[in-house]
Amino acid sequence: IMEEHQRNLRRLESLYDMWPHVANVGRVFLELAPSLKAYHVYISNFKNAQDTLSRLKAEKGKFFQFIQEVNQRHPDTNDLLSLISAPIHHLSKLEPLFETLAEFSRPGSDDQREANNAFAVLSQTNAFMNQSLIVNTADLVNIQRKITGYDGPLNLVVKDRELVMEGAVAKRYIYLF
């Protein structure tokens, strides 16, 4: 992901050299669009990364001590969870920028069409990422309904709880969290 962003930055910087007439920003992003598949891989492992980070912090072992030390030495930097969330938030911030770029582009121009296309690509990617992040909660609610027959009193939807596996074992159906 970082390599793609560095390449994209160089392309955008070359456009900046044409200031005050900046064009083809949408085109540069559309050339980057195929590499957005890396975000799909990133998001599919994101929950696992969050859970691993939470577990390691809770264990208060060497990793926890290392994180504490880094936070003390660099109090102005973001914590590790914020840093691993950054790529996800980055894309969500780009979406409205391309929408605005399309609005301010000359109507009917290639720049407007490309900005609209870039906006559409970002919209779809962000929708996928958001859906991927909420799927676990929906799974837990469905399991809760299977067990109780309704939404309560058992509450399986708890922060950091994730369904690991489900299946039949010795004539019983089990859920492993």
N, C-alpha and C. Protein backbone atom coordinates (compact mmCIF):
# COMPACT_ATOMS: atom_id res chain seq x y z
N ILE A 1 0.84 -1.19 0.00
CA ILE A 1 0.00 0.00 0.00
C ILE A 1 0.88 1.25 0.00
N MET A 2 1.93 1.22 0.80
CA MET A 2 2.79 2.40 0.88
C MET A 2 3.48 2.70 -0.46
N GLU A 3 3.93 1.66 -1.14
CA GLU A 3 4.58 1.87 -2.44
C GLU A 3 3.63 2.53 -3.43
N GLU A 4 2.38 2.09 -3.43
CA GLU A 4 1.39 2.68 -4.33
C GLU A 4 1.16 4.15 -3.99
N HIS A 5 1.09 4.44 -2.70
CA HIS A 5 0.88 5.83 -2.29
C HIS A 5 2.07 6.71 -2.65
N GLN A 6 3.26 6.17 -2.55
CA GLN A 6 4.45 6.95 -2.93
C GLN A 6 4.44 7.23 -4.43
N ARG A 7 4.09 6.22 -5.23
CA ARG A 7 3.99 6.42 -6.68
C ARG A 7 2.92 7.46 -7.00
N ASN A 8 1.79 7.34 -6.33
CA ASN A 8 0.69 8.28 -6.55
C ASN A 8 1.10 9.69 -6.15
N LEU A 9 1.82 9.82 -5.06
CA LEU A 9 2.29 11.13 -4.62
C LEU A 9 3.18 11.77 -5.68
N ARG A 10 4.09 11.00 -6.24
CA ARG A 10 4.98 11.54 -7.29
C ARG A 10 4.16 12.01 -8.49
N ARG A 11 3.14 11.26 -8.87
CA ARG A 11 2.29 11.67 -10.00
C ARG A 11 1.55 12.96 -9.69
N LEU A 12 1.02 13.04 -8.47
CA LEU A 12 0.29 14.25 -8.09
C LEU A 12 1.22 15.45 -7.98
N GLU A 13 2.43 15.23 -7.50
CA GLU A 13 3.39 16.34 -7.42
C GLU A 13 3.74 16.86 -8.81
N SER A 14 3.80 15.98 -9.80
CA SER A 14 4.08 16.44 -11.16
C SER A 14 2.93 17.30 -11.68
N LEU A 15 1.69 17.01 -11.26
CA LEU A 15 0.55 17.84 -11.65
C LEU A 15 0.62 19.20 -10.97
N TYR A 16 1.10 19.20 -9.75
CA TYR A 16 1.20 20.44 -8.99
C TYR A 16 2.15 21.43 -9.67
N ASP A 17 3.13 20.90 -10.40
CA ASP A 17 4.07 21.76 -11.12
C ASP A 17 3.37 22.61 -12.18
N MET A 18 2.15 22.23 -12.56
CA MET A 18 1.40 22.98 -13.57
C MET A 18 0.49 24.04 -12.95
N TRP A 19 0.64 24.26 -11.65
CA TRP A 19 -0.19 25.23 -10.95
C TRP A 19 -0.15 26.57 -11.64
N PRO A 20 -1.22 27.30 -11.80
CA PRO A 20 -2.53 27.17 -11.17
C PRO A 20 -3.52 26.28 -11.95
N HIS A 21 -3.13 25.78 -13.11
CA HIS A 21 -4.04 24.92 -13.86
C HIS A 21 -3.68 23.46 -13.57
N VAL A 22 -4.41 22.88 -12.65
CA VAL A 22 -4.18 21.49 -12.28
C VAL A 22 -5.26 20.65 -12.91
N ALA A 23 -4.84 19.66 -13.70
CA ALA A 23 -5.79 18.78 -14.38
C ALA A 23 -5.34 17.33 -14.22
N ASN A 24 -6.22 16.43 -14.57
CA ASN A 24 -5.92 14.99 -14.59
C ASN A 24 -5.77 14.35 -13.22
N VAL A 25 -6.24 14.98 -12.17
CA VAL A 25 -6.13 14.39 -10.84
C VAL A 25 -6.96 13.10 -10.77
N GLY A 26 -8.15 13.15 -11.33
CA GLY A 26 -8.99 11.94 -11.37
C GLY A 26 -8.32 10.82 -12.14
N ARG A 27 -7.67 11.15 -13.25
CA ARG A 27 -6.99 10.14 -14.06
C ARG A 27 -5.86 9.47 -13.26
N VAL A 28 -5.10 10.29 -12.52
CA VAL A 28 -4.02 9.73 -11.70
C VAL A 28 -4.59 8.74 -10.70
N PHE A 29 -5.70 9.12 -10.07
CA PHE A 29 -6.29 8.20 -9.10
C PHE A 29 -6.83 6.95 -9.78
N LEU A 30 -7.45 7.10 -10.93
CA LEU A 30 -8.00 5.92 -11.62
C LEU A 30 -6.89 4.96 -12.03
N GLU A 31 -5.70 5.47 -12.32
CA GLU A 31 -4.56 4.60 -12.61
C GLU A 31 -4.15 3.82 -11.36
N LEU A 32 -4.39 4.40 -10.21
CA LEU A 32 -4.09 3.75 -8.93
C LEU A 32 -5.17 2.73 -8.55
N ALA A 33 -6.38 2.89 -9.07
CA ALA A 33 -7.54 2.10 -8.65
C ALA A 33 -7.30 0.58 -8.62
N PRO A 34 -6.64 -0.02 -9.61
CA PRO A 34 -6.44 -1.48 -9.51
C PRO A 34 -5.65 -1.91 -8.26
N SER A 35 -4.81 -1.03 -7.76
CA SER A 35 -4.04 -1.39 -6.56
C SER A 35 -4.88 -1.31 -5.29
N LEU A 36 -6.12 -0.83 -5.40
CA LEU A 36 -6.99 -0.78 -4.22
C LEU A 36 -7.35 -2.18 -3.72
N LYS A 37 -7.06 -3.19 -4.53
CA LYS A 37 -7.28 -4.57 -4.08
C LYS A 37 -6.45 -4.87 -2.84
N ALA A 38 -5.33 -4.17 -2.70
CA ALA A 38 -4.50 -4.35 -1.50
C ALA A 38 -5.28 -3.95 -0.25
N TYR A 39 -6.19 -2.98 -0.38
CA TYR A 39 -7.01 -2.60 0.77
C TYR A 39 -7.97 -3.72 1.15
N HIS A 40 -8.43 -4.47 0.18
CA HIS A 40 -9.32 -5.60 0.47
C HIS A 40 -8.58 -6.63 1.33
N VAL A 41 -7.33 -6.88 0.99
CA VAL A 41 -6.51 -7.81 1.78
C VAL A 41 -6.27 -7.21 3.16
N TYR A 42 -5.96 -5.94 3.20
CA TYR A 42 -5.68 -5.25 4.47
C TYR A 42 -6.90 -5.32 5.39
N ILE A 43 -8.07 -5.01 4.86
CA ILE A 43 -9.27 -4.97 5.68
C ILE A 43 -9.67 -6.37 6.15
N SER A 44 -9.37 -7.39 5.33
CA SER A 44 -9.73 -8.75 5.73
C SER A 44 -8.89 -9.22 6.92
N ASN A 45 -7.73 -8.62 7.12
CA ASN A 45 -6.90 -8.98 8.26
C ASN A 45 -6.96 -7.93 9.38
N PHE A 46 -7.68 -6.86 9.15
CA PHE A 46 -7.71 -5.75 10.10
C PHE A 46 -8.25 -6.17 11.47
N LYS A 47 -9.36 -6.89 11.48
CA LYS A 47 -9.95 -7.33 12.75
C LYS A 47 -8.98 -8.24 13.51
N ASN A 48 -8.31 -9.11 12.77
CA ASN A 48 -7.31 -9.97 13.39
C ASN A 48 -6.18 -9.13 14.01
N ALA A 49 -5.74 -8.11 13.31
CA ALA A 49 -4.68 -7.23 13.83
C ALA A 49 -5.16 -6.51 15.09
N GLN A 50 -6.39 -6.02 15.08
CA GLN A 50 -6.95 -5.36 16.26
C GLN A 50 -7.00 -6.33 17.44
N ASP A 51 -7.50 -7.53 17.19
CA ASP A 51 -7.62 -8.52 18.26
C ASP A 51 -6.25 -8.91 18.81
N THR A 52 -5.30 -9.10 17.93
CA THR A 52 -3.94 -9.45 18.36
C THR A 52 -3.35 -8.33 19.21
N LEU A 53 -3.53 -7.10 18.78
CA LEU A 53 -3.03 -5.96 19.54
C LEU A 53 -3.69 -5.90 20.91
N SER A 54 -5.00 -6.09 20.97
CA SER A 54 -5.71 -6.08 22.26
C SER A 54 -5.21 -7.20 23.16
N ARG A 55 -5.04 -8.39 22.60
CA ARG A 55 -4.58 -9.52 23.40
C ARG A 55 -3.18 -9.27 23.95
N LEU A 56 -2.29 -8.76 23.10
CA LEU A 56 -0.92 -8.51 23.55
C LEU A 56 -0.85 -7.41 24.61
N LYS A 57 -1.70 -6.41 24.47
CA LYS A 57 -1.75 -5.37 25.50
C LYS A 57 -2.26 -5.94 26.82
N ALA A 58 -3.28 -6.79 26.72
CA ALA A 58 -3.87 -7.37 27.94
C ALA A 58 -2.88 -8.28 28.66
N GLU A 59 -2.02 -8.96 27.91
CA GLU A 59 -1.03 -9.85 28.52
C GLU A 59 0.05 -9.08 29.28
N LYS A 60 0.22 -7.81 28.95
CA LYS A 60 1.19 -6.93 29.60
C LYS A 60 2.60 -7.52 29.62
N GLY A 61 2.95 -8.16 28.52
CA GLY A 61 4.28 -8.74 28.38
C GLY A 61 5.24 -7.76 27.75
N LYS A 62 6.25 -8.30 27.07
CA LYS A 62 7.29 -7.46 26.46
C LYS A 62 6.74 -6.52 25.39
N PHE A 63 5.79 -7.01 24.62
CA PHE A 63 5.20 -6.15 23.57
C PHE A 63 4.52 -4.95 24.21
N PHE A 64 3.74 -5.20 25.26
CA PHE A 64 3.05 -4.12 25.97
C PHE A 64 4.06 -3.12 26.51
N GLN A 65 5.14 -3.61 27.10
CA GLN A 65 6.17 -2.73 27.64
C GLN A 65 6.81 -1.90 26.53
N PHE A 66 7.04 -2.53 25.38
CA PHE A 66 7.61 -1.81 24.24
C PHE A 66 6.68 -0.68 23.79
N ILE A 67 5.39 -0.98 23.68
CA ILE A 67 4.41 0.03 23.26
C ILE A 67 4.36 1.17 24.27
N GLN A 68 4.38 0.84 25.55
CA GLN A 68 4.37 1.87 26.59
C GLN A 68 5.60 2.77 26.48
N GLU A 69 6.73 2.15 26.25
CA GLU A 69 7.99 2.91 26.13
C GLU A 69 7.96 3.84 24.92
N VAL A 70 7.49 3.34 23.80
CA VAL A 70 7.39 4.17 22.60
C VAL A 70 6.44 5.34 22.84
N ASN A 71 5.30 5.08 23.48
CA ASN A 71 4.34 6.15 23.76
C ASN A 71 4.92 7.19 24.71
N GLN A 72 5.74 6.77 25.65
CA GLN A 72 6.36 7.72 26.58
C GLN A 72 7.42 8.56 25.87
N ARG A 73 8.19 7.92 25.00
CA ARG A 73 9.25 8.65 24.28
C ARG A 73 8.69 9.59 23.22
N HIS A 74 7.55 9.22 22.66
CA HIS A 74 6.96 10.00 21.57
C HIS A 74 5.48 10.28 21.88
N PRO A 75 5.22 11.12 22.86
CA PRO A 75 3.82 11.35 23.27
C PRO A 75 2.97 12.04 22.20
N ASP A 76 3.61 12.68 21.23
CA ASP A 76 2.85 13.39 20.20
C ASP A 76 2.42 12.50 19.04
N THR A 77 2.87 11.25 19.03
CA THR A 77 2.50 10.36 17.94
C THR A 77 1.25 9.58 18.31
N ASN A 78 0.59 9.06 17.28
CA ASN A 78 -0.61 8.26 17.50
C ASN A 78 -0.26 6.91 18.09
N ASP A 79 -1.24 6.31 18.76
CA ASP A 79 -1.01 4.97 19.27
C ASP A 79 -1.07 3.97 18.11
N LEU A 80 -0.65 2.75 18.38
CA LEU A 80 -0.52 1.74 17.33
C LEU A 80 -1.86 1.43 16.67
N LEU A 81 -2.94 1.37 17.44
CA LEU A 81 -4.25 1.09 16.86
C LEU A 81 -4.65 2.19 15.87
N SER A 82 -4.37 3.43 16.21
CA SER A 82 -4.66 4.53 15.29
C SER A 82 -3.84 4.40 14.01
N LEU A 83 -2.60 3.99 14.16
CA LEU A 83 -1.73 3.85 12.99
C LEU A 83 -2.19 2.73 12.07
N ILE A 84 -2.64 1.59 12.64
CA ILE A 84 -3.09 0.52 11.75
C ILE A 84 -4.45 0.84 11.14
N SER A 85 -5.18 1.78 11.73
CA SER A 85 -6.46 2.21 11.18
C SER A 85 -6.30 3.28 10.10
N ALA A 86 -5.14 3.90 10.04
CA ALA A 86 -4.91 5.04 9.14
C ALA A 86 -5.22 4.75 7.67
N PRO A 87 -4.79 3.62 7.11
CA PRO A 87 -5.11 3.38 5.69
C PRO A 87 -6.61 3.33 5.41
N ILE A 88 -7.38 2.83 6.36
CA ILE A 88 -8.83 2.76 6.18
C ILE A 88 -9.42 4.17 6.19
N HIS A 89 -9.01 4.97 7.14
CA HIS A 89 -9.54 6.32 7.26
C HIS A 89 -9.07 7.20 6.09
N HIS A 90 -7.90 6.91 5.58
CA HIS A 90 -7.36 7.69 4.46
C HIS A 90 -8.30 7.64 3.26
N LEU A 91 -8.76 6.46 2.90
CA LEU A 91 -9.64 6.34 1.74
C LEU A 91 -10.98 7.03 1.98
N SER A 92 -11.49 6.94 3.19
CA SER A 92 -12.78 7.57 3.46
C SER A 92 -12.69 9.10 3.35
N LYS A 93 -11.51 9.66 3.58
CA LYS A 93 -11.33 11.11 3.45
C LYS A 93 -11.21 11.54 2.00
N LEU A 94 -10.74 10.64 1.13
CA LEU A 94 -10.58 10.99 -0.28
C LEU A 94 -11.91 11.08 -1.03
N GLU A 95 -12.87 10.28 -0.62
CA GLU A 95 -14.15 10.22 -1.34
C GLU A 95 -14.81 11.60 -1.50
N PRO A 96 -15.01 12.37 -0.42
CA PRO A 96 -15.65 13.69 -0.61
C PRO A 96 -14.77 14.67 -1.39
N LEU A 97 -13.45 14.48 -1.36
CA LEU A 97 -12.57 15.37 -2.10
C LEU A 97 -12.79 15.22 -3.61
N PHE A 98 -12.95 13.97 -4.06
CA PHE A 98 -13.19 13.77 -5.49
C PHE A 98 -14.58 14.22 -5.89
N GLU A 99 -15.53 14.12 -4.99
CA GLU A 99 -16.88 14.63 -5.27
C GLU A 99 -16.82 16.15 -5.49
N THR A 100 -16.07 16.83 -4.61
CA THR A 100 -15.92 18.28 -4.73
C THR A 100 -15.14 18.64 -5.98
N LEU A 101 -14.10 17.88 -6.29
CA LEU A 101 -13.32 18.13 -7.49
C LEU A 101 -14.20 18.04 -8.73
N ALA A 102 -15.07 17.06 -8.77
CA ALA A 102 -15.98 16.91 -9.92
C ALA A 102 -16.92 18.11 -10.02
N GLU A 103 -17.40 18.60 -8.88
CA GLU A 103 -18.32 19.75 -8.88
C GLU A 103 -17.64 21.00 -9.44
N PHE A 104 -16.34 21.16 -9.15
CA PHE A 104 -15.64 22.36 -9.58
C PHE A 104 -14.93 22.21 -10.92
N SER A 105 -15.02 21.05 -11.52
CA SER A 105 -14.42 20.84 -12.84
C SER A 105 -15.36 21.38 -13.91
N ARG A 106 -14.79 21.70 -15.06
CA ARG A 106 -15.59 22.21 -16.16
C ARG A 106 -16.63 21.15 -16.56
N PRO A 107 -17.90 21.52 -16.59
CA PRO A 107 -18.95 20.55 -16.94
C PRO A 107 -18.68 19.86 -18.28
N GLY A 108 -18.81 18.55 -18.28
CA GLY A 108 -18.62 17.76 -19.50
C GLY A 108 -17.18 17.49 -19.86
N SER A 109 -16.24 17.99 -19.08
CA SER A 109 -14.82 17.81 -19.40
C SER A 109 -14.33 16.42 -18.97
N ASP A 110 -13.17 16.04 -19.53
CA ASP A 110 -12.54 14.78 -19.11
C ASP A 110 -12.22 14.81 -17.62
N ASP A 111 -11.79 15.98 -17.13
CA ASP A 111 -11.47 16.10 -15.70
C ASP A 111 -12.70 15.80 -14.84
N GLN A 112 -13.85 16.32 -15.23
CA GLN A 112 -15.05 16.07 -14.45
C GLN A 112 -15.45 14.59 -14.51
N ARG A 113 -15.38 14.01 -15.70
CA ARG A 113 -15.73 12.59 -15.86
C ARG A 113 -14.78 11.72 -15.02
N GLU A 114 -13.48 12.00 -15.09
CA GLU A 114 -12.50 11.20 -14.34
C GLU A 114 -12.65 11.39 -12.83
N ALA A 115 -12.96 12.61 -12.40
CA ALA A 115 -13.18 12.85 -10.97
C ALA A 115 -14.43 12.10 -10.50
N ASN A 116 -15.48 12.11 -11.31
CA ASN A 116 -16.69 11.35 -10.96
C ASN A 116 -16.41 9.85 -10.91
N ASN A 117 -15.62 9.35 -11.85
CA ASN A 117 -15.26 7.93 -11.85
C ASN A 117 -14.41 7.57 -10.62
N ALA A 118 -13.48 8.45 -10.28
CA ALA A 118 -12.65 8.22 -9.09
C ALA A 118 -13.53 8.21 -7.83
N PHE A 119 -14.48 9.14 -7.79
CA PHE A 119 -15.42 9.18 -6.66
C PHE A 119 -16.20 7.87 -6.56
N ALA A 120 -16.66 7.36 -7.70
CA ALA A 120 -17.42 6.10 -7.72
C ALA A 120 -16.57 4.92 -7.23
N VAL A 121 -15.32 4.87 -7.68
CA VAL A 121 -14.41 3.80 -7.24
C VAL A 121 -14.20 3.87 -5.73
N LEU A 122 -13.96 5.06 -5.23
CA LEU A 122 -13.75 5.24 -3.79
C LEU A 122 -15.02 4.89 -3.01
N SER A 123 -16.16 5.27 -3.54
CA SER A 123 -17.43 4.95 -2.88
C SER A 123 -17.61 3.45 -2.73
N GLN A 124 -17.34 2.72 -3.80
CA GLN A 124 -17.48 1.26 -3.76
C GLN A 124 -16.47 0.64 -2.81
N THR A 125 -15.24 1.10 -2.86
CA THR A 125 -14.20 0.56 -1.97
C THR A 125 -14.53 0.83 -0.51
N ASN A 126 -14.96 2.06 -0.21
CA ASN A 126 -15.31 2.40 1.17
C ASN A 126 -16.53 1.61 1.64
N ALA A 127 -17.50 1.40 0.76
CA ALA A 127 -18.67 0.60 1.14
C ALA A 127 -18.26 -0.83 1.47
N PHE A 128 -17.37 -1.40 0.65
CA PHE A 128 -16.87 -2.75 0.93
C PHE A 128 -16.16 -2.81 2.28
N MET A 129 -15.30 -1.83 2.53
CA MET A 129 -14.54 -1.83 3.78
C MET A 129 -15.47 -1.68 4.98
N ASN A 130 -16.44 -0.78 4.89
CA ASN A 130 -17.38 -0.59 5.99
C ASN A 130 -18.19 -1.85 6.23
N GLN A 131 -18.64 -2.48 5.16
CA GLN A 131 -19.40 -3.72 5.28
C GLN A 131 -18.55 -4.81 5.93
N SER A 132 -17.31 -4.91 5.54
CA SER A 132 -16.41 -5.92 6.11
C SER A 132 -16.21 -5.70 7.60
N LEU A 133 -16.19 -4.45 8.04
CA LEU A 133 -15.97 -4.16 9.45
C LEU A 133 -17.19 -4.46 10.31
N ILE A 134 -18.41 -4.40 9.73
CA ILE A 134 -19.61 -4.64 10.54
C ILE A 134 -20.14 -6.06 10.44
N VAL A 135 -19.57 -6.87 9.56
CA VAL A 135 -20.07 -8.23 9.38
C VAL A 135 -20.00 -9.03 10.68
N ASN A 136 -18.93 -8.90 11.45
CA ASN A 136 -18.79 -9.66 12.68
C ASN A 136 -19.94 -9.38 13.64
N THR A 137 -20.35 -8.12 13.78
CA THR A 137 -21.46 -7.78 14.68
C THR A 137 -22.74 -8.45 14.22
N ALA A 138 -23.00 -8.43 12.93
CA ALA A 138 -24.20 -9.08 12.40
C ALA A 138 -24.16 -10.58 12.67
N ASP A 139 -23.01 -11.21 12.53
CA ASP A 139 -22.87 -12.64 12.82
C ASP A 139 -23.20 -12.93 14.27
N LEU A 140 -22.69 -12.11 15.18
CA LEU A 140 -22.95 -12.32 16.60
C LEU A 140 -24.43 -12.17 16.94
N VAL A 141 -25.08 -11.19 16.36
CA VAL A 141 -26.52 -11.00 16.60
C VAL A 141 -27.30 -12.21 16.09
N ASN A 142 -26.95 -12.72 14.92
CA ASN A 142 -27.63 -13.89 14.38
C ASN A 142 -27.43 -15.12 15.27
N ILE A 143 -26.24 -15.32 15.78
CA ILE A 143 -25.98 -16.44 16.68
C ILE A 143 -26.79 -16.27 17.97
N GLN A 144 -26.81 -15.06 18.48
CA GLN A 144 -27.57 -14.78 19.69
C GLN A 144 -29.03 -15.14 19.48
N ARG A 145 -29.59 -14.79 18.34
CA ARG A 145 -31.00 -15.11 18.04
C ARG A 145 -31.21 -16.62 17.93
N LYS A 146 -30.23 -17.33 17.35
CA LYS A 146 -30.34 -18.79 17.24
C LYS A 146 -30.38 -19.44 18.62
N ILE A 147 -29.56 -18.93 19.54
CA ILE A 147 -29.46 -19.52 20.87
C ILE A 147 -30.69 -19.19 21.72
N THR A 148 -31.09 -17.93 21.73
CA THR A 148 -32.17 -17.49 22.62
C THR A 148 -33.53 -17.45 21.95
N GLY A 149 -33.55 -17.35 20.63
CA GLY A 149 -34.82 -17.21 19.92
C GLY A 149 -35.23 -15.75 19.77
N TYR A 150 -34.50 -14.85 20.38
CA TYR A 150 -34.78 -13.42 20.27
C TYR A 150 -33.50 -12.64 20.62
N ASP A 151 -33.60 -11.32 20.77
CA ASP A 151 -32.41 -10.49 20.95
C ASP A 151 -31.86 -10.43 22.38
N GLY A 152 -32.50 -10.97 23.35
CA GLY A 152 -32.00 -10.89 24.72
C GLY A 152 -32.42 -12.11 25.49
N PRO A 153 -32.09 -12.32 26.73
CA PRO A 153 -31.22 -11.49 27.57
C PRO A 153 -29.74 -11.76 27.33
N LEU A 154 -29.41 -12.85 26.64
CA LEU A 154 -28.03 -13.15 26.33
C LEU A 154 -27.50 -12.08 25.37
N ASN A 155 -26.38 -11.47 25.70
CA ASN A 155 -25.81 -10.44 24.83
C ASN A 155 -24.43 -10.88 24.37
N LEU A 156 -24.36 -11.38 23.15
CA LEU A 156 -23.07 -11.82 22.61
C LEU A 156 -22.29 -10.67 21.97
N VAL A 157 -22.98 -9.57 21.68
CA VAL A 157 -22.32 -8.45 21.02
C VAL A 157 -21.60 -7.62 22.06
N VAL A 158 -20.32 -7.93 22.23
CA VAL A 158 -19.47 -7.27 23.21
C VAL A 158 -18.20 -6.84 22.49
N LYS A 159 -17.69 -5.68 22.88
CA LYS A 159 -16.46 -5.17 22.25
C LYS A 159 -15.37 -6.24 22.28
N ASP A 160 -14.69 -6.40 21.17
CA ASP A 160 -13.56 -7.33 21.00
C ASP A 160 -13.96 -8.81 20.95
N ARG A 161 -15.26 -9.12 20.95
CA ARG A 161 -15.67 -10.52 20.81
C ARG A 161 -15.80 -10.81 19.33
N GLU A 162 -15.22 -11.92 18.93
CA GLU A 162 -15.26 -12.30 17.51
C GLU A 162 -15.53 -13.79 17.41
N LEU A 163 -16.39 -14.14 16.49
CA LEU A 163 -16.66 -15.54 16.22
C LEU A 163 -15.45 -16.14 15.53
N VAL A 164 -14.90 -17.19 16.13
CA VAL A 164 -13.72 -17.84 15.57
C VAL A 164 -14.13 -19.03 14.72
N MET A 165 -15.09 -19.82 15.25
CA MET A 165 -15.50 -21.03 14.54
C MET A 165 -16.86 -21.46 15.05
N GLU A 166 -17.62 -22.12 14.19
CA GLU A 166 -18.86 -22.73 14.61
C GLU A 166 -19.00 -24.06 13.87
N GLY A 167 -19.72 -25.00 14.51
CA GLY A 167 -19.91 -26.28 13.85
C GLY A 167 -20.46 -27.33 14.79
N ALA A 168 -20.81 -28.49 14.22
CA ALA A 168 -21.37 -29.59 14.99
C ALA A 168 -20.25 -30.45 15.56
N VAL A 169 -20.38 -30.77 16.86
CA VAL A 169 -19.43 -31.65 17.54
C VAL A 169 -20.26 -32.55 18.46
N ALA A 170 -20.10 -33.85 18.29
CA ALA A 170 -20.78 -34.84 19.14
C ALA A 170 -22.27 -34.52 19.29
N LYS A 171 -22.96 -34.37 18.19
CA LYS A 171 -24.41 -34.13 18.15
C LYS A 171 -24.83 -32.79 18.76
N ARG A 172 -23.91 -31.89 18.97
CA ARG A 172 -24.22 -30.55 19.47
C ARG A 172 -23.62 -29.54 18.52
N TYR A 173 -24.26 -28.39 18.46
CA TYR A 173 -23.75 -27.31 17.64
C TYR A 173 -23.06 -26.33 18.56
N ILE A 174 -21.80 -26.01 18.28
CA ILE A 174 -21.06 -25.12 19.18
C ILE A 174 -20.60 -23.87 18.44
N TYR A 175 -20.38 -22.83 19.23
CA TYR A 175 -19.83 -21.57 18.74
C TYR A 175 -18.58 -21.29 19.56
N LEU A 176 -17.49 -20.98 18.89
CA LEU A 176 -16.24 -20.68 19.58
C LEU A 176 -15.91 -19.21 19.37
N PHE A 177 -15.77 -18.49 20.51
CA PHE A 177 -15.47 -17.06 20.45
C PHE A 177 -14.06 -16.82 20.94
